[in-house]
Amino acid sequence: MKVAGILLAGGLARRMGGGDKPLRRIGGATILERVIARARPQVAPGALALNANGDPARFASFGLPVVPDGVAGYPGPLAGVLAGLDWAAEAVPGCSHVASFATDAPFLPADLVARLAGAVADGGADIACAASAGRAHPVFALWPVRLRDDLRHALVDEDVRKVDVWTARHRLSVVEFPAEPRDPFFNANRPEDLAEAEALLAQGEGGI
């Protein structure tokens, strides 16, 4: 299984007050730097891209391909997933799957892709997504490139916006990750979450 990665940063960050949420800093580094450091080793060499809308120049320092949504109107994370699938089909020869990563979760698991890929291989699932503390995290998932036209039809022709509406049409495996001592899918959605992330780093719980 050759896996590419797409970092989802195409949202509007309303709860953070707008702007580019992954460019906020914790512990002297941007959230995006921390996510890249955790995601890059989990995908094929050179097969990591950033899904973001607007001027791509603001992300130039990260050295990643910047892939905008192909569906207008900020329709949500499924549009970012589709952008990643389309990019991988064109730019990553032999890629069979794309792993998606939210860019507001600086402590995401280092074994995320390996465990999702194992669930697909062992259980015959089409898609695998992560969960912790009994809660699914559908933007941390592994998607087959072969379903990109199906997803495009759902987004463009059916106006499907919710991830679980589309994944319910396919064989989905949910992989549970331990939430102790800290939920690895902690996400910085609001300004106060940045302070909590700083505290976790100070306690040595956040990794890099």
N, C-alpha and C. Protein backbone atom coordinates (compact mmCIF):
# COMPACT_ATOMS: atom_id res chain seq x y z
N MET A 1 0.85 -1.19 0.00
CA MET A 1 0.00 0.00 0.00
C MET A 1 0.88 1.24 0.00
N LYS A 2 0.82 2.03 -1.05
CA LYS A 2 1.58 3.28 -1.12
C LYS A 2 0.66 4.42 -0.69
N VAL A 3 1.03 5.10 0.37
CA VAL A 3 0.16 6.11 0.99
C VAL A 3 0.76 7.50 0.83
N ALA A 4 -0.02 8.42 0.30
CA ALA A 4 0.31 9.85 0.29
C ALA A 4 -0.43 10.52 1.44
N GLY A 5 -0.10 11.77 1.71
CA GLY A 5 -0.74 12.48 2.82
C GLY A 5 -1.25 13.84 2.38
N ILE A 6 -2.40 14.22 2.94
CA ILE A 6 -2.94 15.56 2.69
C ILE A 6 -3.23 16.22 4.04
N LEU A 7 -2.67 17.39 4.24
CA LEU A 7 -2.87 18.17 5.46
C LEU A 7 -4.02 19.14 5.21
N LEU A 8 -5.08 19.01 5.99
CA LEU A 8 -6.30 19.77 5.73
C LEU A 8 -6.27 21.12 6.44
N ALA A 9 -6.09 22.18 5.67
CA ALA A 9 -6.05 23.53 6.22
C ALA A 9 -6.93 24.47 5.41
N GLY A 10 -8.00 23.94 4.84
CA GLY A 10 -8.83 24.74 3.96
C GLY A 10 -10.03 25.39 4.61
N GLY A 11 -10.16 25.24 5.95
CA GLY A 11 -11.33 25.79 6.63
C GLY A 11 -11.20 27.28 6.92
N LEU A 12 -12.24 27.82 7.55
CA LEU A 12 -12.29 29.27 7.81
C LEU A 12 -11.88 29.65 9.23
N ALA A 13 -11.70 28.65 10.12
CA ALA A 13 -11.21 28.88 11.49
C ALA A 13 -12.05 29.90 12.24
N ARG A 14 -13.36 29.79 12.14
CA ARG A 14 -14.24 30.80 12.77
C ARG A 14 -14.07 30.83 14.29
N ARG A 15 -13.94 29.64 14.93
CA ARG A 15 -13.83 29.61 16.39
C ARG A 15 -12.51 30.17 16.89
N MET A 16 -11.50 30.23 16.00
CA MET A 16 -10.22 30.82 16.37
C MET A 16 -10.18 32.31 16.04
N GLY A 17 -11.28 32.81 15.44
CA GLY A 17 -11.33 34.22 15.09
C GLY A 17 -10.88 34.51 13.68
N GLY A 18 -10.82 33.45 12.84
CA GLY A 18 -10.42 33.63 11.45
C GLY A 18 -8.93 33.51 11.27
N GLY A 19 -8.49 33.66 10.04
CA GLY A 19 -7.07 33.53 9.73
C GLY A 19 -6.66 32.08 9.58
N ASP A 20 -5.36 31.84 9.51
CA ASP A 20 -4.82 30.50 9.32
C ASP A 20 -4.51 29.88 10.68
N LYS A 21 -5.41 29.06 11.14
CA LYS A 21 -5.25 28.43 12.45
C LYS A 21 -3.93 27.66 12.57
N PRO A 22 -3.51 26.89 11.55
CA PRO A 22 -2.27 26.12 11.71
C PRO A 22 -1.01 26.97 11.78
N LEU A 23 -1.11 28.27 11.50
CA LEU A 23 0.06 29.14 11.60
C LEU A 23 0.19 29.76 12.99
N ARG A 24 -0.76 29.49 13.88
CA ARG A 24 -0.61 29.92 15.27
C ARG A 24 0.54 29.12 15.89
N ARG A 25 1.20 29.71 16.87
CA ARG A 25 2.40 29.11 17.44
C ARG A 25 2.15 28.56 18.83
N ILE A 26 2.76 27.41 19.10
CA ILE A 26 2.82 26.87 20.46
C ILE A 26 4.24 26.37 20.68
N GLY A 27 4.81 26.71 21.82
CA GLY A 27 6.14 26.25 22.13
C GLY A 27 7.20 26.67 21.13
N GLY A 28 7.03 27.85 20.53
CA GLY A 28 8.05 28.36 19.62
C GLY A 28 7.96 27.84 18.20
N ALA A 29 6.98 27.02 17.89
CA ALA A 29 6.81 26.50 16.53
C ALA A 29 5.34 26.60 16.15
N THR A 30 5.08 26.70 14.86
CA THR A 30 3.68 26.73 14.43
C THR A 30 3.05 25.35 14.62
N ILE A 31 1.74 25.34 14.76
CA ILE A 31 1.02 24.07 14.83
C ILE A 31 1.29 23.26 13.57
N LEU A 32 1.34 23.95 12.42
CA LEU A 32 1.57 23.24 11.17
C LEU A 32 2.94 22.57 11.15
N GLU A 33 3.98 23.23 11.66
CA GLU A 33 5.30 22.60 11.73
C GLU A 33 5.23 21.31 12.54
N ARG A 34 4.50 21.32 13.63
CA ARG A 34 4.40 20.14 14.48
C ARG A 34 3.63 19.02 13.78
N VAL A 35 2.57 19.39 13.08
CA VAL A 35 1.79 18.38 12.36
C VAL A 35 2.63 17.76 11.23
N ILE A 36 3.35 18.60 10.49
CA ILE A 36 4.19 18.09 9.41
C ILE A 36 5.23 17.11 9.96
N ALA A 37 5.85 17.46 11.08
CA ALA A 37 6.89 16.61 11.66
C ALA A 37 6.33 15.24 12.04
N ARG A 38 5.07 15.19 12.43
CA ARG A 38 4.46 13.90 12.80
C ARG A 38 3.91 13.16 11.60
N ALA A 39 3.44 13.89 10.59
CA ALA A 39 2.80 13.24 9.45
C ALA A 39 3.79 12.76 8.40
N ARG A 40 4.85 13.54 8.15
CA ARG A 40 5.75 13.24 7.04
C ARG A 40 6.36 11.84 7.09
N PRO A 41 6.82 11.36 8.27
CA PRO A 41 7.42 10.03 8.30
C PRO A 41 6.42 8.89 8.06
N GLN A 42 5.14 9.19 8.09
CA GLN A 42 4.11 8.16 7.98
C GLN A 42 3.64 7.92 6.54
N VAL A 43 4.09 8.76 5.60
CA VAL A 43 3.64 8.62 4.22
C VAL A 43 4.86 8.39 3.32
N ALA A 44 4.60 8.09 2.06
CA ALA A 44 5.69 7.83 1.12
C ALA A 44 6.58 9.06 0.99
N PRO A 45 7.87 8.88 0.72
CA PRO A 45 8.78 10.02 0.58
C PRO A 45 8.30 11.01 -0.48
N GLY A 46 8.26 12.29 -0.10
CA GLY A 46 7.86 13.33 -1.03
C GLY A 46 6.38 13.35 -1.35
N ALA A 47 5.59 12.59 -0.61
CA ALA A 47 4.16 12.45 -0.95
C ALA A 47 3.28 13.10 0.10
N LEU A 48 3.60 14.33 0.48
CA LEU A 48 2.80 15.08 1.44
C LEU A 48 2.46 16.43 0.83
N ALA A 49 1.17 16.81 0.88
CA ALA A 49 0.71 18.08 0.33
C ALA A 49 -0.19 18.77 1.35
N LEU A 50 -0.38 20.06 1.14
CA LEU A 50 -1.20 20.89 2.02
C LEU A 50 -2.43 21.35 1.26
N ASN A 51 -3.60 21.07 1.79
CA ASN A 51 -4.84 21.59 1.22
C ASN A 51 -5.16 22.93 1.88
N ALA A 52 -5.10 23.99 1.09
CA ALA A 52 -5.39 25.33 1.60
C ALA A 52 -5.92 26.18 0.47
N ASN A 53 -6.77 27.13 0.81
CA ASN A 53 -7.36 28.04 -0.18
C ASN A 53 -6.74 29.43 -0.05
N GLY A 54 -6.92 30.27 -1.05
CA GLY A 54 -6.33 31.60 -1.03
C GLY A 54 -4.91 31.59 -1.55
N ASP A 55 -4.16 32.61 -1.20
CA ASP A 55 -2.80 32.78 -1.71
C ASP A 55 -1.88 31.70 -1.13
N PRO A 56 -1.32 30.82 -1.97
CA PRO A 56 -0.46 29.76 -1.44
C PRO A 56 0.88 30.28 -0.93
N ALA A 57 1.24 31.52 -1.28
CA ALA A 57 2.56 32.04 -0.91
C ALA A 57 2.76 32.07 0.60
N ARG A 58 1.68 32.19 1.36
CA ARG A 58 1.84 32.27 2.81
C ARG A 58 2.33 30.96 3.42
N PHE A 59 2.30 29.89 2.64
CA PHE A 59 2.79 28.60 3.12
C PHE A 59 4.10 28.19 2.43
N ALA A 60 4.71 29.11 1.69
CA ALA A 60 5.88 28.76 0.88
C ALA A 60 7.03 28.23 1.71
N SER A 61 7.18 28.72 2.93
CA SER A 61 8.33 28.32 3.75
C SER A 61 8.28 26.85 4.17
N PHE A 62 7.12 26.22 4.04
CA PHE A 62 7.00 24.82 4.46
C PHE A 62 7.45 23.84 3.37
N GLY A 63 7.62 24.33 2.14
CA GLY A 63 8.15 23.50 1.09
C GLY A 63 7.26 22.36 0.63
N LEU A 64 5.95 22.54 0.77
CA LEU A 64 5.00 21.50 0.37
C LEU A 64 4.15 21.99 -0.82
N PRO A 65 3.70 21.08 -1.67
CA PRO A 65 2.69 21.47 -2.67
C PRO A 65 1.44 21.96 -1.96
N VAL A 66 0.87 23.06 -2.43
CA VAL A 66 -0.37 23.59 -1.85
C VAL A 66 -1.50 23.34 -2.84
N VAL A 67 -2.50 22.59 -2.39
CA VAL A 67 -3.58 22.14 -3.26
C VAL A 67 -4.89 22.76 -2.77
N PRO A 68 -5.52 23.63 -3.55
CA PRO A 68 -6.79 24.23 -3.12
C PRO A 68 -7.96 23.28 -3.33
N ASP A 69 -9.07 23.60 -2.68
CA ASP A 69 -10.31 22.85 -2.95
C ASP A 69 -10.66 22.97 -4.43
N GLY A 70 -11.13 21.87 -5.00
CA GLY A 70 -11.62 21.92 -6.37
C GLY A 70 -13.11 22.21 -6.44
N VAL A 71 -13.75 22.26 -5.27
CA VAL A 71 -15.18 22.55 -5.17
C VAL A 71 -15.32 23.90 -4.47
N ALA A 72 -16.02 24.84 -5.09
CA ALA A 72 -16.11 26.19 -4.56
C ALA A 72 -16.99 26.29 -3.33
N GLY A 73 -16.80 27.37 -2.56
CA GLY A 73 -17.70 27.68 -1.46
C GLY A 73 -17.34 27.10 -0.12
N TYR A 74 -16.10 26.67 0.10
CA TYR A 74 -15.67 26.11 1.37
C TYR A 74 -16.64 25.03 1.87
N PRO A 75 -16.80 23.96 1.10
CA PRO A 75 -17.81 22.96 1.47
C PRO A 75 -17.41 22.03 2.59
N GLY A 76 -16.21 22.19 3.16
CA GLY A 76 -15.84 21.37 4.30
C GLY A 76 -14.73 20.38 4.00
N PRO A 77 -14.44 19.52 4.96
CA PRO A 77 -13.27 18.64 4.84
C PRO A 77 -13.34 17.65 3.70
N LEU A 78 -14.52 17.25 3.27
CA LEU A 78 -14.59 16.32 2.14
C LEU A 78 -13.98 16.93 0.88
N ALA A 79 -14.11 18.24 0.72
CA ALA A 79 -13.49 18.89 -0.44
C ALA A 79 -11.98 18.82 -0.35
N GLY A 80 -11.45 18.94 0.86
CA GLY A 80 -10.01 18.80 1.05
C GLY A 80 -9.53 17.40 0.77
N VAL A 81 -10.32 16.42 1.21
CA VAL A 81 -9.98 15.03 0.92
C VAL A 81 -9.96 14.78 -0.58
N LEU A 82 -10.98 15.29 -1.27
CA LEU A 82 -11.03 15.13 -2.73
C LEU A 82 -9.84 15.80 -3.39
N ALA A 83 -9.47 16.99 -2.93
CA ALA A 83 -8.30 17.67 -3.48
C ALA A 83 -7.05 16.82 -3.30
N GLY A 84 -6.94 16.17 -2.14
CA GLY A 84 -5.80 15.31 -1.89
C GLY A 84 -5.80 14.08 -2.78
N LEU A 85 -6.96 13.49 -2.98
CA LEU A 85 -7.05 12.31 -3.84
C LEU A 85 -6.69 12.66 -5.28
N ASP A 86 -7.19 13.80 -5.76
CA ASP A 86 -6.88 14.23 -7.12
C ASP A 86 -5.40 14.53 -7.27
N TRP A 87 -4.82 15.20 -6.28
CA TRP A 87 -3.39 15.51 -6.33
C TRP A 87 -2.56 14.23 -6.34
N ALA A 88 -2.89 13.29 -5.47
CA ALA A 88 -2.11 12.05 -5.39
C ALA A 88 -2.21 11.25 -6.69
N ALA A 89 -3.40 11.22 -7.30
CA ALA A 89 -3.58 10.48 -8.54
C ALA A 89 -2.69 11.04 -9.65
N GLU A 90 -2.45 12.36 -9.59
CA GLU A 90 -1.64 13.01 -10.63
C GLU A 90 -0.15 13.01 -10.29
N ALA A 91 0.18 13.21 -9.02
CA ALA A 91 1.56 13.53 -8.64
C ALA A 91 2.31 12.40 -7.96
N VAL A 92 1.61 11.36 -7.51
CA VAL A 92 2.27 10.28 -6.76
C VAL A 92 2.02 8.96 -7.47
N PRO A 93 2.88 8.59 -8.41
CA PRO A 93 2.66 7.35 -9.17
C PRO A 93 2.56 6.14 -8.24
N GLY A 94 1.57 5.31 -8.53
CA GLY A 94 1.40 4.09 -7.76
C GLY A 94 0.71 4.26 -6.43
N CYS A 95 0.28 5.49 -6.12
CA CYS A 95 -0.39 5.73 -4.84
C CYS A 95 -1.77 5.09 -4.83
N SER A 96 -2.05 4.30 -3.81
CA SER A 96 -3.36 3.65 -3.70
C SER A 96 -4.27 4.33 -2.68
N HIS A 97 -3.67 4.99 -1.69
CA HIS A 97 -4.46 5.60 -0.61
C HIS A 97 -3.87 6.95 -0.22
N VAL A 98 -4.73 7.79 0.34
CA VAL A 98 -4.32 9.08 0.88
C VAL A 98 -4.74 9.16 2.34
N ALA A 99 -3.80 9.50 3.20
CA ALA A 99 -4.11 9.74 4.61
C ALA A 99 -4.37 11.23 4.79
N SER A 100 -5.44 11.55 5.50
CA SER A 100 -5.75 12.95 5.78
C SER A 100 -5.45 13.26 7.24
N PHE A 101 -4.93 14.47 7.45
CA PHE A 101 -4.55 14.93 8.78
C PHE A 101 -5.13 16.32 9.01
N ALA A 102 -5.80 16.52 10.13
CA ALA A 102 -6.20 17.88 10.51
C ALA A 102 -4.95 18.66 10.90
N THR A 103 -4.92 19.94 10.63
CA THR A 103 -3.73 20.75 10.91
C THR A 103 -3.89 21.58 12.19
N ASP A 104 -4.83 21.17 13.05
CA ASP A 104 -4.96 21.84 14.35
C ASP A 104 -4.72 20.86 15.50
N ALA A 105 -4.10 19.70 15.19
CA ALA A 105 -3.89 18.65 16.19
C ALA A 105 -2.39 18.37 16.30
N PRO A 106 -1.67 19.13 17.12
CA PRO A 106 -0.21 19.04 17.14
C PRO A 106 0.36 17.77 17.74
N PHE A 107 -0.48 16.96 18.39
CA PHE A 107 0.02 15.76 19.07
C PHE A 107 -0.48 14.47 18.42
N LEU A 108 -0.82 14.50 17.14
CA LEU A 108 -1.42 13.34 16.49
C LEU A 108 -0.49 12.13 16.58
N PRO A 109 -1.05 10.90 16.57
CA PRO A 109 -0.24 9.70 16.81
C PRO A 109 0.80 9.45 15.72
N ALA A 110 1.97 9.00 16.15
CA ALA A 110 3.04 8.67 15.21
C ALA A 110 2.75 7.38 14.44
N ASP A 111 1.83 6.57 14.95
CA ASP A 111 1.48 5.31 14.28
C ASP A 111 0.10 5.36 13.64
N LEU A 112 -0.38 6.57 13.37
CA LEU A 112 -1.74 6.74 12.84
C LEU A 112 -1.91 5.98 11.52
N VAL A 113 -1.05 6.26 10.54
CA VAL A 113 -1.24 5.66 9.22
C VAL A 113 -1.03 4.15 9.27
N ALA A 114 -0.05 3.70 10.02
CA ALA A 114 0.20 2.26 10.11
C ALA A 114 -1.02 1.53 10.64
N ARG A 115 -1.65 2.08 11.65
CA ARG A 115 -2.82 1.40 12.24
C ARG A 115 -4.04 1.49 11.32
N LEU A 116 -4.22 2.62 10.65
CA LEU A 116 -5.33 2.73 9.71
C LEU A 116 -5.13 1.78 8.53
N ALA A 117 -3.90 1.70 8.02
CA ALA A 117 -3.61 0.80 6.90
C ALA A 117 -3.81 -0.65 7.31
N GLY A 118 -3.44 -0.98 8.53
CA GLY A 118 -3.66 -2.33 9.02
C GLY A 118 -5.13 -2.69 9.08
N ALA A 119 -5.96 -1.72 9.49
CA ALA A 119 -7.39 -1.97 9.56
C ALA A 119 -7.98 -2.20 8.17
N VAL A 120 -7.51 -1.45 7.18
CA VAL A 120 -7.99 -1.64 5.81
C VAL A 120 -7.56 -3.01 5.29
N ALA A 121 -6.29 -3.35 5.51
CA ALA A 121 -5.76 -4.60 4.99
C ALA A 121 -6.39 -5.82 5.67
N ASP A 122 -6.56 -5.73 6.98
CA ASP A 122 -7.04 -6.89 7.74
C ASP A 122 -8.54 -7.06 7.67
N GLY A 123 -9.27 -5.94 7.58
CA GLY A 123 -10.72 -6.02 7.67
C GLY A 123 -11.44 -5.86 6.35
N GLY A 124 -10.70 -5.61 5.28
CA GLY A 124 -11.35 -5.44 3.99
C GLY A 124 -12.16 -4.18 3.87
N ALA A 125 -11.82 -3.17 4.67
CA ALA A 125 -12.57 -1.91 4.64
C ALA A 125 -12.15 -1.06 3.44
N ASP A 126 -13.05 -0.19 3.01
CA ASP A 126 -12.70 0.80 1.99
C ASP A 126 -11.96 1.97 2.60
N ILE A 127 -12.44 2.41 3.77
CA ILE A 127 -11.94 3.61 4.45
C ILE A 127 -11.71 3.25 5.92
N ALA A 128 -10.68 3.81 6.51
CA ALA A 128 -10.48 3.66 7.95
C ALA A 128 -10.32 5.05 8.55
N CYS A 129 -10.93 5.26 9.72
CA CYS A 129 -10.78 6.54 10.41
C CYS A 129 -10.44 6.28 11.87
N ALA A 130 -9.86 7.29 12.50
CA ALA A 130 -9.43 7.19 13.88
C ALA A 130 -10.56 7.53 14.85
N ALA A 131 -10.40 7.07 16.08
CA ALA A 131 -11.32 7.41 17.16
C ALA A 131 -10.53 7.40 18.46
N SER A 132 -11.04 8.13 19.45
CA SER A 132 -10.46 8.09 20.80
C SER A 132 -11.55 8.47 21.78
N ALA A 133 -11.47 7.89 22.96
CA ALA A 133 -12.46 8.16 24.01
C ALA A 133 -13.89 7.98 23.49
N GLY A 134 -14.08 7.01 22.61
CA GLY A 134 -15.40 6.71 22.08
C GLY A 134 -15.92 7.69 21.04
N ARG A 135 -15.06 8.57 20.58
CA ARG A 135 -15.47 9.61 19.61
C ARG A 135 -14.67 9.46 18.33
N ALA A 136 -15.36 9.42 17.20
CA ALA A 136 -14.69 9.29 15.91
C ALA A 136 -14.06 10.61 15.49
N HIS A 137 -12.96 10.50 14.76
CA HIS A 137 -12.26 11.68 14.22
C HIS A 137 -12.15 11.47 12.71
N PRO A 138 -13.21 11.76 11.97
CA PRO A 138 -13.26 11.37 10.56
C PRO A 138 -12.29 12.10 9.65
N VAL A 139 -11.69 13.20 10.10
CA VAL A 139 -10.69 13.86 9.24
C VAL A 139 -9.31 13.23 9.39
N PHE A 140 -9.14 12.36 10.37
CA PHE A 140 -7.93 11.54 10.46
C PHE A 140 -8.28 10.19 9.89
N ALA A 141 -8.05 10.02 8.60
CA ALA A 141 -8.56 8.83 7.93
C ALA A 141 -7.68 8.43 6.76
N LEU A 142 -7.95 7.23 6.26
CA LEU A 142 -7.24 6.69 5.11
C LEU A 142 -8.26 6.43 4.02
N TRP A 143 -8.04 7.05 2.84
CA TRP A 143 -9.02 7.06 1.77
C TRP A 143 -8.43 6.41 0.51
N PRO A 144 -9.16 5.53 -0.17
CA PRO A 144 -8.66 4.94 -1.40
C PRO A 144 -8.81 5.90 -2.58
N VAL A 145 -7.76 6.01 -3.37
CA VAL A 145 -7.79 6.89 -4.54
C VAL A 145 -8.89 6.47 -5.50
N ARG A 146 -9.21 5.19 -5.55
CA ARG A 146 -10.21 4.69 -6.51
C ARG A 146 -11.62 5.25 -6.25
N LEU A 147 -11.85 5.84 -5.06
CA LEU A 147 -13.19 6.37 -4.76
C LEU A 147 -13.30 7.86 -5.04
N ARG A 148 -12.30 8.45 -5.70
CA ARG A 148 -12.35 9.91 -5.85
C ARG A 148 -13.49 10.38 -6.74
N ASP A 149 -13.83 9.64 -7.77
CA ASP A 149 -14.95 10.07 -8.63
C ASP A 149 -16.29 9.92 -7.91
N ASP A 150 -16.39 8.90 -7.07
CA ASP A 150 -17.59 8.73 -6.25
C ASP A 150 -17.74 9.91 -5.30
N LEU A 151 -16.64 10.32 -4.68
CA LEU A 151 -16.68 11.46 -3.77
C LEU A 151 -16.99 12.75 -4.52
N ARG A 152 -16.42 12.93 -5.70
CA ARG A 152 -16.71 14.13 -6.50
C ARG A 152 -18.21 14.21 -6.82
N HIS A 153 -18.79 13.08 -7.20
CA HIS A 153 -20.23 13.05 -7.51
C HIS A 153 -21.05 13.45 -6.27
N ALA A 154 -20.67 12.91 -5.11
CA ALA A 154 -21.40 13.23 -3.88
C ALA A 154 -21.32 14.72 -3.56
N LEU A 155 -20.14 15.30 -3.72
CA LEU A 155 -19.95 16.72 -3.39
C LEU A 155 -20.62 17.65 -4.40
N VAL A 156 -20.42 17.38 -5.67
CA VAL A 156 -20.86 18.31 -6.71
C VAL A 156 -22.31 18.09 -7.10
N ASP A 157 -22.70 16.85 -7.26
CA ASP A 157 -24.04 16.55 -7.77
C ASP A 157 -25.08 16.35 -6.68
N GLU A 158 -24.63 15.91 -5.50
CA GLU A 158 -25.58 15.63 -4.42
C GLU A 158 -25.48 16.62 -3.27
N ASP A 159 -24.49 17.50 -3.30
CA ASP A 159 -24.30 18.50 -2.26
C ASP A 159 -24.08 17.88 -0.88
N VAL A 160 -23.45 16.71 -0.84
CA VAL A 160 -23.11 16.08 0.43
C VAL A 160 -22.00 16.88 1.09
N ARG A 161 -22.16 17.19 2.37
CA ARG A 161 -21.17 17.97 3.09
C ARG A 161 -20.62 17.24 4.31
N LYS A 162 -21.41 16.41 4.95
CA LYS A 162 -20.98 15.74 6.17
C LYS A 162 -20.18 14.49 5.83
N VAL A 163 -19.03 14.36 6.47
CA VAL A 163 -18.14 13.24 6.19
C VAL A 163 -18.85 11.92 6.42
N ASP A 164 -19.56 11.80 7.55
CA ASP A 164 -20.15 10.51 7.88
C ASP A 164 -21.30 10.11 6.95
N VAL A 165 -21.90 11.08 6.28
CA VAL A 165 -22.95 10.74 5.30
C VAL A 165 -22.34 9.98 4.13
N TRP A 166 -21.16 10.45 3.70
CA TRP A 166 -20.52 9.78 2.56
C TRP A 166 -19.85 8.47 2.97
N THR A 167 -19.14 8.47 4.10
CA THR A 167 -18.46 7.24 4.50
C THR A 167 -19.44 6.12 4.82
N ALA A 168 -20.67 6.47 5.21
CA ALA A 168 -21.67 5.44 5.51
C ALA A 168 -22.03 4.62 4.28
N ARG A 169 -21.72 5.13 3.09
CA ARG A 169 -22.02 4.40 1.86
C ARG A 169 -20.97 3.34 1.54
N HIS A 170 -19.88 3.33 2.32
CA HIS A 170 -18.76 2.44 2.04
C HIS A 170 -18.42 1.64 3.30
N ARG A 171 -17.56 0.66 3.12
CA ARG A 171 -17.13 -0.14 4.27
C ARG A 171 -16.12 0.66 5.07
N LEU A 172 -16.49 0.99 6.29
CA LEU A 172 -15.69 1.86 7.14
C LEU A 172 -15.19 1.09 8.35
N SER A 173 -13.90 1.21 8.63
CA SER A 173 -13.32 0.64 9.84
C SER A 173 -12.92 1.80 10.75
N VAL A 174 -13.31 1.71 12.02
CA VAL A 174 -12.98 2.75 13.00
C VAL A 174 -11.92 2.19 13.94
N VAL A 175 -10.79 2.88 14.03
CA VAL A 175 -9.65 2.41 14.81
C VAL A 175 -9.53 3.26 16.07
N GLU A 176 -9.64 2.62 17.22
CA GLU A 176 -9.61 3.32 18.50
C GLU A 176 -8.17 3.51 18.98
N PHE A 177 -7.85 4.74 19.36
CA PHE A 177 -6.54 5.07 19.92
C PHE A 177 -6.70 5.42 21.40
N PRO A 178 -5.73 5.08 22.24
CA PRO A 178 -5.86 5.40 23.67
C PRO A 178 -5.87 6.90 23.91
N ALA A 179 -6.71 7.33 24.84
CA ALA A 179 -6.85 8.75 25.15
C ALA A 179 -6.12 9.14 26.43
N GLU A 180 -5.38 8.23 27.01
CA GLU A 180 -4.62 8.51 28.23
C GLU A 180 -3.13 8.32 27.97
N PRO A 181 -2.28 9.12 28.57
CA PRO A 181 -2.59 10.21 29.51
C PRO A 181 -3.11 11.48 28.84
N ARG A 182 -3.05 11.51 27.51
CA ARG A 182 -3.55 12.69 26.79
C ARG A 182 -4.11 12.23 25.47
N ASP A 183 -5.29 12.73 25.16
CA ASP A 183 -5.90 12.39 23.88
C ASP A 183 -5.01 12.91 22.74
N PRO A 184 -4.49 12.01 21.87
CA PRO A 184 -3.60 12.46 20.81
C PRO A 184 -4.28 13.33 19.75
N PHE A 185 -5.62 13.35 19.79
CA PHE A 185 -6.36 14.15 18.81
C PHE A 185 -6.85 15.46 19.41
N PHE A 186 -6.24 15.86 20.52
CA PHE A 186 -6.48 17.21 21.06
C PHE A 186 -6.29 18.22 19.93
N ASN A 187 -7.27 19.11 19.77
CA ASN A 187 -7.16 20.08 18.68
C ASN A 187 -7.34 21.50 19.20
N ALA A 188 -6.59 22.38 18.60
CA ALA A 188 -6.60 23.79 18.98
C ALA A 188 -7.60 24.54 18.12
N ASN A 189 -8.83 24.58 18.57
CA ASN A 189 -9.91 25.23 17.82
C ASN A 189 -10.13 26.67 18.25
N ARG A 190 -9.85 26.95 19.53
CA ARG A 190 -10.16 28.26 20.10
C ARG A 190 -8.90 28.84 20.72
N PRO A 191 -8.86 30.15 20.93
CA PRO A 191 -7.66 30.75 21.51
C PRO A 191 -7.25 30.10 22.84
N GLU A 192 -8.21 29.73 23.68
CA GLU A 192 -7.86 29.13 24.97
C GLU A 192 -7.21 27.76 24.81
N ASP A 193 -7.47 27.09 23.67
CA ASP A 193 -6.83 25.79 23.43
C ASP A 193 -5.33 25.95 23.23
N LEU A 194 -4.91 27.09 22.70
CA LEU A 194 -3.47 27.32 22.51
C LEU A 194 -2.75 27.33 23.86
N ALA A 195 -3.38 27.93 24.86
CA ALA A 195 -2.78 27.96 26.20
C ALA A 195 -2.69 26.54 26.77
N GLU A 196 -3.72 25.73 26.53
CA GLU A 196 -3.69 24.35 27.02
C GLU A 196 -2.59 23.55 26.32
N ALA A 197 -2.43 23.77 25.01
CA ALA A 197 -1.36 23.08 24.28
C ALA A 197 0.01 23.49 24.80
N GLU A 198 0.19 24.77 25.12
CA GLU A 198 1.44 25.23 25.69
C GLU A 198 1.71 24.51 27.02
N ALA A 199 0.67 24.36 27.83
CA ALA A 199 0.83 23.69 29.11
C ALA A 199 1.23 22.23 28.94
N LEU A 200 0.64 21.57 27.94
CA LEU A 200 0.99 20.17 27.68
C LEU A 200 2.45 20.04 27.26
N LEU A 201 2.90 20.96 26.42
CA LEU A 201 4.30 20.93 26.01
C LEU A 201 5.22 21.13 27.20
N ALA A 202 4.84 22.05 28.09
CA ALA A 202 5.66 22.33 29.27
C ALA A 202 5.75 21.11 30.18
N GLN A 203 4.69 20.28 30.17
CA GLN A 203 4.67 19.07 30.99
C GLN A 203 5.37 17.90 30.30
N GLY A 204 5.81 18.13 29.06
CA GLY A 204 6.49 17.07 28.35
C GLY A 204 5.58 16.05 27.73
N GLU A 205 4.28 16.37 27.59
CA GLU A 205 3.30 15.42 27.07
C GLU A 205 3.09 15.59 25.58
N GLY A 206 3.62 16.64 24.98
CA GLY A 206 3.28 16.91 23.60
C GLY A 206 4.27 16.44 22.58
N GLY A 207 5.36 15.78 23.00
CA GLY A 207 6.33 15.35 22.01
C GLY A 207 7.19 16.52 21.57
N ILE A 208 7.31 16.72 20.25
CA ILE A 208 8.21 17.75 19.72
C ILE A 208 7.80 19.15 20.18
